[in-house]
Amino acid sequence: MYYVNQEQIERRLSAIPEITEGLRKTAESWDGELVSGLVQERALHLAIEVVTDVGSYLIDGFIMRDASSYEDILDIIHEEKVMPSEVHSVLKELVRLRKPLVQDYYDWPRHVLHPLSSVVPDTLEQFAVNVRDYLKQEL
């Protein structure tokens, strides 16, 4: 029997609507100003954290193989059929932004709309549906 911390997974998934709203509004009204850039930066960072946190809970709870990196978290849950390839490819591209956002933040181009800002909201929403469906199926 698996112990999957569904409460913690759901807490993280419940943050997705605010993250997607921030990304959508920022992308729709992009002005290149500092505040818009900071909102985009933080929303992308939070999206990464949600995806990797949920992935880690799934890996731990279902006793999947250990992840060697943030990208590997996504590869593992994709291999386990948590999400389709289209979602996996976008989220893997998103997770590659973690180092620039968290460690190289001083070089992040805050005055440029990142191409993922327009794509990630729909993908995150689909990810939440995929995870919830996976949990229903497996538990």
C-alpha atoms as a PDB file:
ATOM      1  CA  MET A   1       0.000   0.000   0.000  1.00  0.00           C
ATOM      2  CA  TYR A   2       1.273   3.445  -0.921  1.00  0.00           C
ATOM      3  CA  TYR A   3       1.271   6.509   1.275  1.00  0.00           C
ATOM      4  CA  VAL A   4       0.775   9.441  -1.044  1.00  0.00           C
ATOM      5  CA  ASN A   5       0.497  12.797   0.670  1.00  0.00           C
ATOM      6  CA  GLN A   6      -2.582  13.910  -1.231  1.00  0.00           C
ATOM      7  CA  GLU A   7      -3.147  16.865   1.074  1.00  0.00           C
ATOM      8  CA  GLN A   8       0.239  18.395   0.244  1.00  0.00           C
ATOM      9  CA  ILE A   9      -0.174  17.648  -3.448  1.00  0.00           C
ATOM     10  CA  GLU A  10      -3.570  19.349  -3.454  1.00  0.00           C
ATOM     11  CA  ARG A  11      -2.243  22.366  -1.532  1.00  0.00           C
ATOM     12  CA  ARG A  12       0.333  22.887  -4.252  1.00  0.00           C
ATOM     13  CA  LEU A  13      -2.095  22.291  -7.107  1.00  0.00           C
ATOM     14  CA  SER A  14      -4.464  24.813  -5.540  1.00  0.00           C
ATOM     15  CA  ALA A  15      -1.813  27.515  -6.063  1.00  0.00           C
ATOM     16  CA  ILE A  16      -1.985  27.050  -9.839  1.00  0.00           C
ATOM     17  CA  PRO A  17      -4.980  29.364 -10.505  1.00  0.00           C
ATOM     18  CA  GLU A  18      -3.194  32.376  -8.989  1.00  0.00           C
ATOM     19  CA  ILE A  19       0.037  31.577 -10.823  1.00  0.00           C
ATOM     20  CA  THR A  20      -1.752  31.202 -14.151  1.00  0.00           C
ATOM     21  CA  GLU A  21      -3.717  34.401 -13.581  1.00  0.00           C
ATOM     22  CA  GLY A  22      -0.489  36.286 -12.908  1.00  0.00           C
ATOM     23  CA  LEU A  23       1.175  34.923 -16.019  1.00  0.00           C
ATOM     24  CA  ARG A  24      -1.851  35.545 -18.250  1.00  0.00           C
ATOM     25  CA  LYS A  25      -2.407  39.109 -17.074  1.00  0.00           C
ATOM     26  CA  THR A  26       1.277  39.914 -17.354  1.00  0.00           C
ATOM     27  CA  ALA A  27       1.554  38.451 -20.863  1.00  0.00           C
ATOM     28  CA  GLU A  28      -1.650  40.176 -22.043  1.00  0.00           C
ATOM     29  CA  SER A  29      -0.623  43.596 -20.788  1.00  0.00           C
ATOM     30  CA  TRP A  30       3.144  43.307 -21.258  1.00  0.00           C
ATOM     31  CA  ASP A  31       4.791  46.712 -21.099  1.00  0.00           C
ATOM     32  CA  GLY A  32       8.413  45.788 -20.451  1.00  0.00           C
ATOM     33  CA  GLU A  33       8.396  47.643 -17.142  1.00  0.00           C
ATOM     34  CA  LEU A  34      10.236  46.375 -14.084  1.00  0.00           C
ATOM     35  CA  VAL A  35       7.123  45.436 -12.103  1.00  0.00           C
ATOM     36  CA  SER A  36       5.755  43.360 -14.996  1.00  0.00           C
ATOM     37  CA  GLY A  37       9.115  41.664 -15.307  1.00  0.00           C
ATOM     38  CA  LEU A  38       9.219  40.863 -11.610  1.00  0.00           C
ATOM     39  CA  VAL A  39       5.672  39.475 -11.669  1.00  0.00           C
ATOM     40  CA  GLN A  40       6.581  37.276 -14.635  1.00  0.00           C
ATOM     41  CA  GLU A  41       9.782  36.137 -12.956  1.00  0.00           C
ATOM     42  CA  ARG A  42       8.063  35.182  -9.703  1.00  0.00           C
ATOM     43  CA  ALA A  43       5.141  33.469 -11.435  1.00  0.00           C
ATOM     44  CA  LEU A  44       7.503  31.357 -13.558  1.00  0.00           C
ATOM     45  CA  HIS A  45       9.486  30.484 -10.439  1.00  0.00           C
ATOM     46  CA  LEU A  46       6.347  29.460  -8.537  1.00  0.00           C
ATOM     47  CA  ALA A  47       5.188  27.373 -11.507  1.00  0.00           C
ATOM     48  CA  ILE A  48       8.498  25.499 -11.405  1.00  0.00           C
ATOM     49  CA  GLU A  49       8.215  24.910  -7.671  1.00  0.00           C
ATOM     50  CA  VAL A  50       4.641  23.602  -7.944  1.00  0.00           C
ATOM     51  CA  VAL A  51       5.565  21.150 -10.687  1.00  0.00           C
ATOM     52  CA  THR A  52       8.702  19.860  -8.985  1.00  0.00           C
ATOM     53  CA  ASP A  53       7.078  19.668  -5.537  1.00  0.00           C
ATOM     54  CA  VAL A  54       4.100  17.706  -6.861  1.00  0.00           C
ATOM     55  CA  GLY A  55       6.413  15.486  -8.878  1.00  0.00           C
ATOM     56  CA  SER A  56       8.512  14.769  -5.806  1.00  0.00           C
ATOM     57  CA  TYR A  57       5.427  13.859  -3.759  1.00  0.00           C
ATOM     58  CA  LEU A  58       4.308  11.472  -6.496  1.00  0.00           C
ATOM     59  CA  ILE A  59       7.763   9.897  -6.764  1.00  0.00           C
ATOM     60  CA  ASP A  60       8.011   9.424  -2.997  1.00  0.00           C
ATOM     61  CA  GLY A  61       4.442   8.260  -2.536  1.00  0.00           C
ATOM     62  CA  PHE A  62       4.397   5.747  -5.363  1.00  0.00           C
ATOM     63  CA  ILE A  63       7.981   4.652  -4.714  1.00  0.00           C
ATOM     64  CA  MET A  64       9.190   5.533  -8.198  1.00  0.00           C
ATOM     65  CA  ARG A  65      12.897   5.647  -9.006  1.00  0.00           C
ATOM     66  CA  ASP A  66      14.939   8.409  -7.385  1.00  0.00           C
ATOM     67  CA  ALA A  67      15.302  11.633  -9.332  1.00  0.00           C
ATOM     68  CA  SER A  68      18.769  12.959 -10.078  1.00  0.00           C
ATOM     69  CA  SER A  69      17.677  16.487 -11.047  1.00  0.00           C
ATOM     70  CA  TYR A  70      14.656  18.745 -11.396  1.00  0.00           C
ATOM     71  CA  GLU A  71      14.327  17.720 -15.041  1.00  0.00           C
ATOM     72  CA  ASP A  72      14.519  14.077 -14.016  1.00  0.00           C
ATOM     73  CA  ILE A  73      11.512  14.569 -11.714  1.00  0.00           C
ATOM     74  CA  LEU A  74       9.481  15.401 -14.811  1.00  0.00           C
ATOM     75  CA  ASP A  75      10.964  12.540 -16.808  1.00  0.00           C
ATOM     76  CA  ILE A  76      10.058  10.045 -14.085  1.00  0.00           C
ATOM     77  CA  ILE A  77       6.460  11.125 -13.710  1.00  0.00           C
ATOM     78  CA  HIS A  78       6.128  11.224 -17.497  1.00  0.00           C
ATOM     79  CA  GLU A  79       7.494   7.665 -17.743  1.00  0.00           C
ATOM     80  CA  GLU A  80       4.922   6.656 -15.110  1.00  0.00           C
ATOM     81  CA  LYS A  81       2.157   8.102 -17.319  1.00  0.00           C
ATOM     82  CA  VAL A  82       1.179  10.944 -15.007  1.00  0.00           C
ATOM     83  CA  MET A  83       1.084  13.396 -17.931  1.00  0.00           C
ATOM     84  CA  PRO A  84       1.146  13.266 -21.729  1.00  0.00           C
ATOM     85  CA  SER A  85       4.189  14.171 -23.818  1.00  0.00           C
ATOM     86  CA  GLU A  86       2.878  17.623 -24.757  1.00  0.00           C
ATOM     87  CA  VAL A  87       2.614  18.660 -21.106  1.00  0.00           C
ATOM     88  CA  HIS A  88       5.943  17.030 -20.268  1.00  0.00           C
ATOM     89  CA  SER A  89       7.856  18.896 -22.981  1.00  0.00           C
ATOM     90  CA  VAL A  90       6.550  22.336 -21.929  1.00  0.00           C
ATOM     91  CA  LEU A  91       7.111  21.674 -18.231  1.00  0.00           C
ATOM     92  CA  LYS A  92      10.604  20.348 -18.858  1.00  0.00           C
ATOM     93  CA  GLU A  93      11.427  23.556 -20.729  1.00  0.00           C
ATOM     94  CA  LEU A  94       9.961  25.503 -17.792  1.00  0.00           C
ATOM     95  CA  VAL A  95      12.036  23.630 -15.216  1.00  0.00           C
ATOM     96  CA  ARG A  96      15.197  24.466 -17.175  1.00  0.00           C
ATOM     97  CA  LEU A  97      14.552  28.081 -16.156  1.00  0.00           C
ATOM     98  CA  ARG A  98      15.035  27.281 -12.478  1.00  0.00           C
ATOM     99  CA  LYS A  99      18.787  27.928 -12.413  1.00  0.00           C
ATOM    100  CA  PRO A 100      18.565  31.254 -14.283  1.00  0.00           C
ATOM    101  CA  LEU A 101      15.657  32.381 -12.097  1.00  0.00           C
ATOM    102  CA  VAL A 102      17.030  31.254  -8.736  1.00  0.00           C
ATOM    103  CA  GLN A 103      20.813  31.361  -9.065  1.00  0.00           C
ATOM    104  CA  ASP A 104      21.498  33.749 -11.959  1.00  0.00           C
ATOM    105  CA  TYR A 105      18.672  36.177 -11.151  1.00  0.00           C
ATOM    106  CA  TYR A 106      21.015  39.142 -11.588  1.00  0.00           C
ATOM    107  CA  ASP A 107      21.229  38.326 -15.311  1.00  0.00           C
ATOM    108  CA  TRP A 108      17.530  37.560 -15.881  1.00  0.00           C
ATOM    109  CA  PRO A 109      16.138  39.778 -18.686  1.00  0.00           C
ATOM    110  CA  ARG A 110      13.293  41.372 -16.728  1.00  0.00           C
ATOM    111  CA  HIS A 111      12.277  43.722 -19.528  1.00  0.00           C
ATOM    112  CA  VAL A 112      11.528  40.903 -22.002  1.00  0.00           C
ATOM    113  CA  LEU A 113       8.396  38.784 -22.113  1.00  0.00           C
ATOM    114  CA  HIS A 114       9.548  35.166 -21.895  1.00  0.00           C
ATOM    115  CA  PRO A 115       7.880  32.939 -24.521  1.00  0.00           C
ATOM    116  CA  LEU A 116       6.789  30.421 -21.858  1.00  0.00           C
ATOM    117  CA  SER A 117       4.724  33.050 -20.057  1.00  0.00           C
ATOM    118  CA  SER A 118       1.992  32.642 -22.663  1.00  0.00           C
ATOM    119  CA  VAL A 119       2.196  28.831 -22.835  1.00  0.00           C
ATOM    120  CA  VAL A 120       2.643  27.792 -19.211  1.00  0.00           C
ATOM    121  CA  PRO A 121      -0.818  28.771 -17.880  1.00  0.00           C
ATOM    122  CA  ASP A 122      -2.741  26.250 -20.023  1.00  0.00           C
ATOM    123  CA  THR A 123      -0.050  23.630 -19.468  1.00  0.00           C
ATOM    124  CA  LEU A 124      -0.135  24.064 -15.683  1.00  0.00           C
ATOM    125  CA  GLU A 125      -3.898  23.716 -15.664  1.00  0.00           C
ATOM    126  CA  GLN A 126      -3.615  20.530 -17.719  1.00  0.00           C
ATOM    127  CA  PHE A 127      -0.904  19.257 -15.363  1.00  0.00           C
ATOM    128  CA  ALA A 128      -3.267  19.686 -12.399  1.00  0.00           C
ATOM    129  CA  VAL A 129      -5.975  17.711 -14.220  1.00  0.00           C
ATOM    130  CA  ASN A 130      -3.440  15.014 -15.145  1.00  0.00           C
ATOM    131  CA  VAL A 131      -2.191  14.652 -11.564  1.00  0.00           C
ATOM    132  CA  ARG A 132      -5.688  14.496 -10.093  1.00  0.00           C
ATOM    133  CA  ASP A 133      -6.722  11.899 -12.689  1.00  0.00           C
ATOM    134  CA  TYR A 134      -3.596   9.861 -11.978  1.00  0.00           C
ATOM    135  CA  LEU A 135      -4.305   9.879  -8.250  1.00  0.00           C
ATOM    136  CA  LYS A 136      -7.909   8.749  -8.793  1.00  0.00           C
ATOM    137  CA  GLN A 137      -6.747   5.960 -11.053  1.00  0.00           C
ATOM    138  CA  GLU A 138      -3.923   4.702  -8.839  1.00  0.00           C
ATOM    139  CA  LEU A 139      -5.415   5.055  -5.367  1.00  0.00           C
END
